[in-house]
Every structure is written in C-alpha cells, then in structure tokens.
C-alpha cells in the first residue's frame, strides 16, 4: 500500500468579525445557534429547548437552564465602543 503525504492545514474557526447592529441581527444569530445542535448533521438534541448547554430555554420558555442567562436587550444601554482603562 502506498500512502500519500498528510498535510495538516489548520483552518481558523473564526474568520473576520461582524458588528451586532440591532436586535434583528442578534436574533438571527441566536436562532442559528439554537437550531444548530438538532440539525441532521449533529443530532445532539430533539429541539433547542432540550439541548442542555443552550440558552434557548430562557428565551423561549422564560426559564433558566444549565447556565444563568440574561436577556441581551438588557445590554442596550452599555457603550461597547468606549475605551476602558484600568
């Protein structure tokens, strides 16, 4: 048997970034994150609420899950563009 040369090319997990401009954009990303664990490719859960590491339970049912969650809308008054100095 002849084996080819194995070349490992690490692929970055995150390429670039996007600003979260508005609640509609944030909700779009949350929906993607919530639906990802139970799509056919992963099959980690039967739905977003049942996935133990998801915050979907908080947003859909109003109940805290495995990790404490606060509503992202509570962050509206925080200026994320300011320079923090220690």
PDB file of N, CA and C in Angstrom:
ATOM      1  N   UNK A   1       0.828  -1.186   0.000  1.00  0.00           N
ATOM      2  CA  UNK A   1       0.000   0.000   0.000  1.00  0.00           C
ATOM      3  C   UNK A   1       0.871   1.248   0.000  1.00  0.00           C
ATOM      4  N   UNK A   2       0.451   2.209  -0.762  1.00  0.00           N
ATOM      5  CA  UNK A   2       1.168   3.467  -0.787  1.00  0.00           C
ATOM      6  C   UNK A   2       0.282   4.546  -0.157  1.00  0.00           C
ATOM      7  N   UNK A   3       0.839   5.232   0.816  1.00  0.00           N
ATOM      8  CA  UNK A   3       0.097   6.281   1.495  1.00  0.00           C
ATOM      9  C   UNK A   3       0.588   7.638   1.021  1.00  0.00           C
ATOM     10  N   UNK A   4      -0.348   8.541   0.832  1.00  0.00           N
ATOM     11  CA  UNK A   4       0.023   9.902   0.453  1.00  0.00           C
ATOM     12  C   UNK A   4       0.529  10.677   1.652  1.00  0.00           C
ATOM     13  N   UNK A   5       1.192  11.760   1.370  1.00  0.00           N
ATOM     14  CA  UNK A   5       1.716  12.621   2.428  1.00  0.00           C
ATOM     15  C   UNK A   5       0.550  13.363   3.089  1.00  0.00           C
ATOM     16  N   UNK A   6       0.513  13.317   4.394  1.00  0.00           N
ATOM     17  CA  UNK A   6      -0.540  14.008   5.130  1.00  0.00           C
ATOM     18  C   UNK A   6      -0.082  15.431   5.416  1.00  0.00           C
ATOM     19  N   UNK A   7      -0.880  16.368   5.000  1.00  0.00           N
ATOM     20  CA  UNK A   7      -0.570  17.770   5.238  1.00  0.00           C
ATOM     21  C   UNK A   7      -1.657  18.344   6.132  1.00  0.00           C
ATOM     22  N   UNK A   8      -1.258  18.860   7.271  1.00  0.00           N
ATOM     23  CA  UNK A   8      -2.215  19.465   8.185  1.00  0.00           C
ATOM     24  C   UNK A   8      -2.238  20.976   7.971  1.00  0.00           C
ATOM     25  N   UNK A   9      -3.345  21.462   7.530  1.00  0.00           N
ATOM     26  CA  UNK A   9      -3.538  22.900   7.369  1.00  0.00           C
ATOM     27  C   UNK A   9      -4.604  23.348   8.346  1.00  0.00           C
ATOM     28  N   UNK A  10      -4.199  23.947   9.447  1.00  0.00           N
ATOM     29  CA  UNK A  10      -5.218  24.380  10.414  1.00  0.00           C
ATOM     30  C   UNK A  10      -6.127  25.439   9.794  1.00  0.00           C
ATOM     31  N   UNK A  11      -7.408  25.239   9.969  1.00  0.00           N
ATOM     32  CA  UNK A  11      -8.397  26.179   9.453  1.00  0.00           C
ATOM     33  C   UNK A  11      -8.888  27.027  10.622  1.00  0.00           C
ATOM     34  N   UNK A  12      -8.812  28.330  10.493  1.00  0.00           N
ATOM     35  CA  UNK A  12      -9.294  29.159  11.600  1.00  0.00           C
ATOM     36  C   UNK A  12     -10.782  28.932  11.834  1.00  0.00           C
ATOM     37  N   UNK A  13     -11.161  28.868  13.093  1.00  0.00           N
ATOM     38  CA  UNK A  13     -12.559  28.665  13.448  1.00  0.00           C
ATOM     39  C   UNK A  13     -13.352  29.932  13.158  1.00  0.00           C
ATOM     40  N   UNK A  14     -12.751  31.067  13.379  1.00  0.00           N
ATOM     41  CA  UNK A  14     -13.454  32.339  13.212  1.00  0.00           C
ATOM     42  C   UNK A  14     -12.656  33.224  12.276  1.00  0.00           C
ATOM     43  N   UNK A  15     -13.256  33.599  11.168  1.00  0.00           N
ATOM     44  CA  UNK A  15     -12.587  34.468  10.212  1.00  0.00           C
ATOM     45  C   UNK A  15     -13.349  35.778  10.162  1.00  0.00           C
ATOM     46  N   UNK A  16     -12.671  36.857  10.479  1.00  0.00           N
ATOM     47  CA  UNK A  16     -13.322  38.164  10.453  1.00  0.00           C
ATOM     48  C   UNK A  16     -14.274  38.339  11.618  1.00  0.00           C
ATOM     49  N   UNK A  17     -14.986  39.447  11.588  1.00  0.00           N
ATOM     50  CA  UNK A  17     -15.998  39.683  12.607  1.00  0.00           C
ATOM     51  C   UNK A  17     -17.044  40.623  12.054  1.00  0.00           C
ATOM     52  N   UNK A  18     -18.209  40.558  12.634  1.00  0.00           N
ATOM     53  CA  UNK A  18     -19.301  41.428  12.249  1.00  0.00           C
ATOM     54  C   UNK A  18     -19.825  42.110  13.497  1.00  0.00           C
ATOM     55  N   UNK A  19     -20.158  43.376  13.355  1.00  0.00           N
ATOM     56  CA  UNK A  19     -20.770  44.064  14.473  1.00  0.00           C
ATOM     57  C   UNK A  19     -22.219  43.630  14.586  1.00  0.00           C
ATOM     58  N   UNK A  20     -22.685  43.509  15.790  1.00  0.00           N
ATOM     59  CA  UNK A  20     -24.084  43.169  16.035  1.00  0.00           C
ATOM     60  C   UNK A  20     -24.890  44.457  16.014  1.00  0.00           C
ATOM     61  N   UNK A  21     -25.307  44.845  14.840  1.00  0.00           N
ATOM     62  CA  UNK A  21     -26.062  46.085  14.672  1.00  0.00           C
ATOM     63  C   UNK A  21     -27.549  45.815  14.738  1.00  0.00           C
ATOM     64  N   UNK A  22     -28.101  45.911  15.904  1.00  0.00           N
ATOM     65  CA  UNK A  22     -29.547  45.802  16.058  1.00  0.00           C
ATOM     66  C   UNK A  22     -30.018  44.447  16.540  1.00  0.00           C
ATOM     67  N   UNK A  23     -31.197  44.463  17.121  1.00  0.00           N
ATOM     68  CA  UNK A  23     -31.780  43.248  17.689  1.00  0.00           C
ATOM     69  C   UNK A  23     -32.123  42.215  16.628  1.00  0.00           C
ATOM     70  N   UNK A  24     -32.511  42.644  15.442  1.00  0.00           N
ATOM     71  CA  UNK A  24     -32.860  41.696  14.380  1.00  0.00           C
ATOM     72  C   UNK A  24     -31.651  40.833  14.013  1.00  0.00           C
ATOM     73  N   UNK A  25     -30.470  41.451  13.912  1.00  0.00           N
ATOM     74  CA  UNK A  25     -29.244  40.724  13.599  1.00  0.00           C
ATOM     75  C   UNK A  25     -28.916  39.738  14.725  1.00  0.00           C
ATOM     76  N   UNK A  26     -29.033  40.188  15.963  1.00  0.00           N
ATOM     77  CA  UNK A  26     -28.727  39.332  17.109  1.00  0.00           C
ATOM     78  C   UNK A  26     -29.697  38.153  17.156  1.00  0.00           C
ATOM     79  N   UNK A  27     -30.987  38.417  16.938  1.00  0.00           N
ATOM     80  CA  UNK A  27     -31.969  37.327  16.934  1.00  0.00           C
ATOM     81  C   UNK A  27     -31.706  36.330  15.817  1.00  0.00           C
ATOM     82  N   UNK A  28     -31.268  36.805  14.661  1.00  0.00           N
ATOM     83  CA  UNK A  28     -30.918  35.908  13.563  1.00  0.00           C
ATOM     84  C   UNK A  28     -29.791  34.968  13.982  1.00  0.00           C
ATOM     85  N   UNK A  29     -28.765  35.504  14.631  1.00  0.00           N
ATOM     86  CA  UNK A  29     -27.631  34.679  15.066  1.00  0.00           C
ATOM     87  C   UNK A  29     -28.035  33.722  16.179  1.00  0.00           C
ATOM     88  N   UNK A  30     -28.878  34.196  17.124  1.00  0.00           N
ATOM     89  CA  UNK A  30     -29.351  33.312  18.195  1.00  0.00           C
ATOM     90  C   UNK A  30     -30.153  32.153  17.618  1.00  0.00           C
ATOM     91  N   UNK A  31     -31.018  32.418  16.652  1.00  0.00           N
ATOM     92  CA  UNK A  31     -31.796  31.346  16.031  1.00  0.00           C
ATOM     93  C   UNK A  31     -30.891  30.322  15.359  1.00  0.00           C
ATOM     94  N   UNK A  32     -29.851  30.780  14.695  1.00  0.00           N
ATOM     95  CA  UNK A  32     -28.903  29.853  14.068  1.00  0.00           C
ATOM     96  C   UNK A  32     -28.225  28.983  15.131  1.00  0.00           C
ATOM     97  N   UNK A  33     -27.760  29.625  16.192  1.00  0.00           N
ATOM     98  CA  UNK A  33     -27.071  28.895  17.261  1.00  0.00           C
ATOM     99  C   UNK A  33     -28.009  27.882  17.910  1.00  0.00           C
ATOM    100  N   UNK A  34     -29.252  28.275  18.166  1.00  0.00           N
ATOM    101  CA  UNK A  34     -30.205  27.379  18.824  1.00  0.00           C
ATOM    102  C   UNK A  34     -30.582  26.191  17.946  1.00  0.00           C
ATOM    103  N   UNK A  35     -30.703  26.413  16.656  1.00  0.00           N
ATOM    104  CA  UNK A  35     -31.130  25.342  15.763  1.00  0.00           C
ATOM    105  C   UNK A  35     -29.994  24.405  15.367  1.00  0.00           C
ATOM    106  N   UNK A  36     -28.762  24.819  15.509  1.00  0.00           N
ATOM    107  CA  UNK A  36     -27.622  24.035  15.072  1.00  0.00           C
ATOM    108  C   UNK A  36     -27.492  22.666  15.762  1.00  0.00           C
ATOM    109  N   UNK A  37     -27.675  22.549  17.090  1.00  0.00           N
ATOM    110  CA  UNK A  37     -27.461  21.238  17.728  1.00  0.00           C
ATOM    111  C   UNK A  37     -28.414  20.137  17.286  1.00  0.00           C
ATOM    112  N   UNK A  38     -29.584  20.479  16.756  1.00  0.00           N
ATOM    113  CA  UNK A  38     -30.504  19.401  16.407  1.00  0.00           C
ATOM    114  C   UNK A  38     -30.755  19.256  14.913  1.00  0.00           C
ATOM    115  N   UNK A  39     -29.899  19.864  14.104  1.00  0.00           N
ATOM    116  CA  UNK A  39     -29.988  19.615  12.666  1.00  0.00           C
ATOM    117  C   UNK A  39     -29.474  18.204  12.373  1.00  0.00           C
ATOM    118  N   UNK A  40     -29.816  17.692  11.212  1.00  0.00           N
ATOM    119  CA  UNK A  40     -29.475  16.309  10.856  1.00  0.00           C
ATOM    120  C   UNK A  40     -27.982  16.017  10.988  1.00  0.00           C
ATOM    121  N   UNK A  41     -27.140  17.002  10.683  1.00  0.00           N
ATOM    122  CA  UNK A  41     -25.689  16.775  10.721  1.00  0.00           C
ATOM    123  C   UNK A  41     -25.208  16.433  12.139  1.00  0.00           C
ATOM    124  N   UNK A  42     -25.750  17.111  13.157  1.00  0.00           N
ATOM    125  CA  UNK A  42     -25.251  16.935  14.527  1.00  0.00           C
ATOM    126  C   UNK A  42     -26.139  16.007  15.360  1.00  0.00           C
ATOM    127  N   UNK A  43     -27.427  16.167  15.302  1.00  0.00           N
ATOM    128  CA  UNK A  43     -28.389  15.365  16.076  1.00  0.00           C
ATOM    129  C   UNK A  43     -28.026  15.272  17.559  1.00  0.00           C
ATOM    130  N   UNK A  44     -27.736  16.414  18.162  1.00  0.00           N
ATOM    131  CA  UNK A  44     -27.371  16.442  19.579  1.00  0.00           C
ATOM    132  C   UNK A  44     -28.582  16.561  20.491  1.00  0.00           C
ATOM    133  N   UNK A  45     -29.715  16.923  19.922  1.00  0.00           N
ATOM    134  CA  UNK A  45     -30.923  17.113  20.709  1.00  0.00           C
ATOM    135  C   UNK A  45     -32.135  17.047  19.782  1.00  0.00           C
ATOM    136  N   UNK A  46     -33.309  16.831  20.384  1.00  0.00           N
ATOM    137  CA  UNK A  46     -34.526  16.799  19.561  1.00  0.00           C
ATOM    138  C   UNK A  46     -35.046  18.204  19.266  1.00  0.00           C
ATOM    139  N   UNK A  47     -34.692  19.170  20.102  1.00  0.00           N
ATOM    140  CA  UNK A  47     -35.053  20.567  19.858  1.00  0.00           C
ATOM    141  C   UNK A  47     -34.142  21.476  20.675  1.00  0.00           C
ATOM    142  N   UNK A  48     -34.228  22.765  20.431  1.00  0.00           N
ATOM    143  CA  UNK A  48     -33.321  23.727  21.074  1.00  0.00           C
ATOM    144  C   UNK A  48     -33.504  23.778  22.581  1.00  0.00           C
ATOM    145  N   UNK A  49     -34.723  23.625  23.047  1.00  0.00           N
ATOM    146  CA  UNK A  49     -35.005  23.714  24.485  1.00  0.00           C
ATOM    147  C   UNK A  49     -34.394  22.546  25.245  1.00  0.00           C
ATOM    148  N   UNK A  50     -34.371  21.381  24.641  1.00  0.00           N
ATOM    149  CA  UNK A  50     -33.864  20.174  25.304  1.00  0.00           C
ATOM    150  C   UNK A  50     -32.337  20.091  25.312  1.00  0.00           C
ATOM    151  N   UNK A  51     -31.668  20.898  24.504  1.00  0.00           N
ATOM    152  CA  UNK A  51     -30.201  20.854  24.480  1.00  0.00           C
ATOM    153  C   UNK A  51     -29.688  21.506  25.758  1.00  0.00           C
ATOM    154  N   UNK A  52     -28.988  20.764  26.618  1.00  0.00           N
ATOM    155  CA  UNK A  52     -28.654  21.261  27.962  1.00  0.00           C
ATOM    156  C   UNK A  52     -27.747  22.490  28.004  1.00  0.00           C
ATOM    157  N   UNK A  53     -26.910  22.695  27.015  1.00  0.00           N
ATOM    158  CA  UNK A  53     -25.983  23.821  27.046  1.00  0.00           C
ATOM    159  C   UNK A  53     -26.520  25.061  26.334  1.00  0.00           C
ATOM    160  N   UNK A  54     -27.770  25.035  25.927  1.00  0.00           N
ATOM    161  CA  UNK A  54     -28.347  26.143  25.178  1.00  0.00           C
ATOM    162  C   UNK A  54     -29.081  27.115  26.097  1.00  0.00           C
ATOM    163  N   UNK A  55     -29.062  28.384  25.726  1.00  0.00           N
ATOM    164  CA  UNK A  55     -29.852  29.384  26.447  1.00  0.00           C
ATOM    165  C   UNK A  55     -31.236  29.538  25.822  1.00  0.00           C
ATOM    166  N   UNK A  56     -31.568  28.706  24.858  1.00  0.00           N
ATOM    167  CA  UNK A  56     -32.866  28.781  24.187  1.00  0.00           C
ATOM    168  C   UNK A  56     -34.018  28.635  25.175  1.00  0.00           C
ATOM    169  N   UNK A  57     -33.845  27.817  26.186  1.00  0.00           N
ATOM    170  CA  UNK A  57     -34.895  27.616  27.184  1.00  0.00           C
ATOM    171  C   UNK A  57     -35.281  28.945  27.835  1.00  0.00           C
ATOM    172  N   UNK A  58     -34.294  29.780  28.065  1.00  0.00           N
ATOM    173  CA  UNK A  58     -34.554  31.091  28.671  1.00  0.00           C
ATOM    174  C   UNK A  58     -35.370  31.970  27.729  1.00  0.00           C
ATOM    175  N   UNK A  59     -34.955  32.040  26.476  1.00  0.00           N
ATOM    176  CA  UNK A  59     -35.622  32.922  25.526  1.00  0.00           C
ATOM    177  C   UNK A  59     -36.987  32.388  25.083  1.00  0.00           C
ATOM    178  N   UNK A  60     -37.152  31.085  25.001  1.00  0.00           N
ATOM    179  CA  UNK A  60     -38.398  30.508  24.512  1.00  0.00           C
ATOM    180  C   UNK A  60     -39.412  30.288  25.639  1.00  0.00           C
ATOM    181  N   UNK A  61     -38.948  29.761  26.781  1.00  0.00           N
ATOM    182  CA  UNK A  61     -39.856  29.415  27.882  1.00  0.00           C
ATOM    183  C   UNK A  61     -39.794  30.394  29.055  1.00  0.00           C
ATOM    184  N   UNK A  62     -38.768  31.245  29.068  1.00  0.00           N
ATOM    185  CA  UNK A  62     -38.606  32.156  30.201  1.00  0.00           C
ATOM    186  C   UNK A  62     -38.010  31.490  31.425  1.00  0.00           C
ATOM    187  N   UNK A  63     -37.420  30.306  31.259  1.00  0.00           N
ATOM    188  CA  UNK A  63     -36.830  29.560  32.368  1.00  0.00           C
ATOM    189  C   UNK A  63     -35.315  29.500  32.230  1.00  0.00           C
ATOM    190  N   UNK A  64     -34.627  29.605  33.355  1.00  0.00           N
ATOM    191  CA  UNK A  64     -33.179  29.445  33.339  1.00  0.00           C
ATOM    192  C   UNK A  64     -32.850  27.978  33.090  1.00  0.00           C
ATOM    193  N   UNK A  65     -31.789  27.747  32.352  1.00  0.00           N
ATOM    194  CA  UNK A  65     -31.343  26.383  32.083  1.00  0.00           C
ATOM    195  C   UNK A  65     -30.111  26.055  32.897  1.00  0.00           C
ATOM    196  N   UNK A  66     -29.194  25.350  32.299  1.00  0.00           N
ATOM    197  CA  UNK A  66     -27.966  24.890  32.950  1.00  0.00           C
ATOM    198  C   UNK A  66     -27.088  26.059  33.386  1.00  0.00           C
ATOM    199  N   UNK A  67     -27.038  27.110  32.561  1.00  0.00           N
ATOM    200  CA  UNK A  67     -26.208  28.275  32.854  1.00  0.00           C
ATOM    201  C   UNK A  67     -27.093  29.507  33.015  1.00  0.00           C
ATOM    202  N   UNK A  68     -26.741  30.412  33.929  1.00  0.00           N
ATOM    203  CA  UNK A  68     -27.553  31.623  34.088  1.00  0.00           C
ATOM    204  C   UNK A  68     -27.478  32.502  32.840  1.00  0.00           C
ATOM    205  N   UNK A  69     -28.623  33.034  32.446  1.00  0.00           N
ATOM    206  CA  UNK A  69     -28.722  33.837  31.232  1.00  0.00           C
ATOM    207  C   UNK A  69     -29.439  35.139  31.560  1.00  0.00           C
ATOM    208  N   UNK A  70     -28.994  36.214  30.908  1.00  0.00           N
ATOM    209  CA  UNK A  70     -29.747  37.463  30.961  1.00  0.00           C
ATOM    210  C   UNK A  70     -30.116  37.832  29.537  1.00  0.00           C
ATOM    211  N   UNK A  71     -31.203  38.539  29.383  1.00  0.00           N
ATOM    212  CA  UNK A  71     -31.676  38.922  28.061  1.00  0.00           C
ATOM    213  C   UNK A  71     -30.697  39.906  27.430  1.00  0.00           C
ATOM    214  N   UNK A  72     -30.342  39.675  26.180  1.00  0.00           N
ATOM    215  CA  UNK A  72     -29.376  40.545  25.510  1.00  0.00           C
ATOM    216  C   UNK A  72     -29.893  41.982  25.404  1.00  0.00           C
ATOM    217  N   UNK A  73     -31.204  42.172  25.465  1.00  0.00           N
ATOM    218  CA  UNK A  73     -31.766  43.525  25.369  1.00  0.00           C
ATOM    219  C   UNK A  73     -31.420  44.370  26.594  1.00  0.00           C
ATOM    220  N   UNK A  74     -31.027  43.730  27.686  1.00  0.00           N
ATOM    221  CA  UNK A  74     -30.613  44.456  28.880  1.00  0.00           C
ATOM    222  C   UNK A  74     -29.260  45.137  28.682  1.00  0.00           C
ATOM    223  N   UNK A  75     -28.564  44.806  27.610  1.00  0.00           N
ATOM    224  CA  UNK A  75     -27.252  45.380  27.334  1.00  0.00           C
ATOM    225  C   UNK A  75     -27.322  46.615  26.447  1.00  0.00           C
ATOM    226  N   UNK A  76     -28.530  47.025  26.054  1.00  0.00           N
ATOM    227  CA  UNK A  76     -28.691  48.154  25.135  1.00  0.00           C
ATOM    228  C   UNK A  76     -28.043  49.443  25.621  1.00  0.00           C
ATOM    229  N   UNK A  77     -28.024  49.656  26.919  1.00  0.00           N
ATOM    230  CA  UNK A  77     -27.507  50.926  27.430  1.00  0.00           C
ATOM    231  C   UNK A  77     -25.999  50.909  27.703  1.00  0.00           C
ATOM    232  N   UNK A  78     -25.325  49.815  27.374  1.00  0.00           N
ATOM    233  CA  UNK A  78     -23.879  49.729  27.589  1.00  0.00           C
ATOM    234  C   UNK A  78     -23.157  50.203  26.331  1.00  0.00           C
ATOM    235  N   UNK A  79     -22.228  51.109  26.487  1.00  0.00           N
ATOM    236  CA  UNK A  79     -21.446  51.603  25.371  1.00  0.00           C
ATOM    237  C   UNK A  79     -20.246  50.679  25.162  1.00  0.00           C
ATOM    238  N   UNK A  80     -20.347  49.857  24.146  1.00  0.00           N
ATOM    239  CA  UNK A  80     -19.276  48.890  23.872  1.00  0.00           C
ATOM    240  C   UNK A  80     -18.134  49.504  23.078  1.00  0.00           C
ATOM    241  N   UNK A  81     -18.285  50.748  22.659  1.00  0.00           N
ATOM    242  CA  UNK A  81     -17.248  51.402  21.858  1.00  0.00           C
ATOM    243  C   UNK A  81     -16.308  52.264  22.698  1.00  0.00           C
ATOM    244  N   UNK A  82     -16.567  52.367  23.981  1.00  0.00           N
ATOM    245  CA  UNK A  82     -15.718  53.214  24.815  1.00  0.00           C
ATOM    246  C   UNK A  82     -14.400  52.505  25.115  1.00  0.00           C
ATOM    247  N   UNK A  83     -13.367  53.267  25.381  1.00  0.00           N
ATOM    248  CA  UNK A  83     -12.070  52.716  25.741  1.00  0.00           C
ATOM    249  C   UNK A  83     -12.007  52.527  27.243  1.00  0.00           C
ATOM    250  N   UNK A  84     -11.728  51.316  27.666  1.00  0.00           N
ATOM    251  CA  UNK A  84     -11.638  51.029  29.086  1.00  0.00           C
ATOM    252  C   UNK A  84     -10.187  51.120  29.519  1.00  0.00           C
ATOM    253  N   UNK A  85      -9.955  51.830  30.602  1.00  0.00           N
ATOM    254  CA  UNK A  85      -8.606  51.934  31.156  1.00  0.00           C
ATOM    255  C   UNK A  85      -8.621  51.375  32.559  1.00  0.00           C
ATOM    256  N   UNK A  86      -7.617  50.619  32.851  1.00  0.00           N
ATOM    257  CA  UNK A  86      -7.520  50.040  34.207  1.00  0.00           C
ATOM    258  C   UNK A  86      -6.742  50.952  35.106  1.00  0.00           C
TER     259      UNK A  86
END
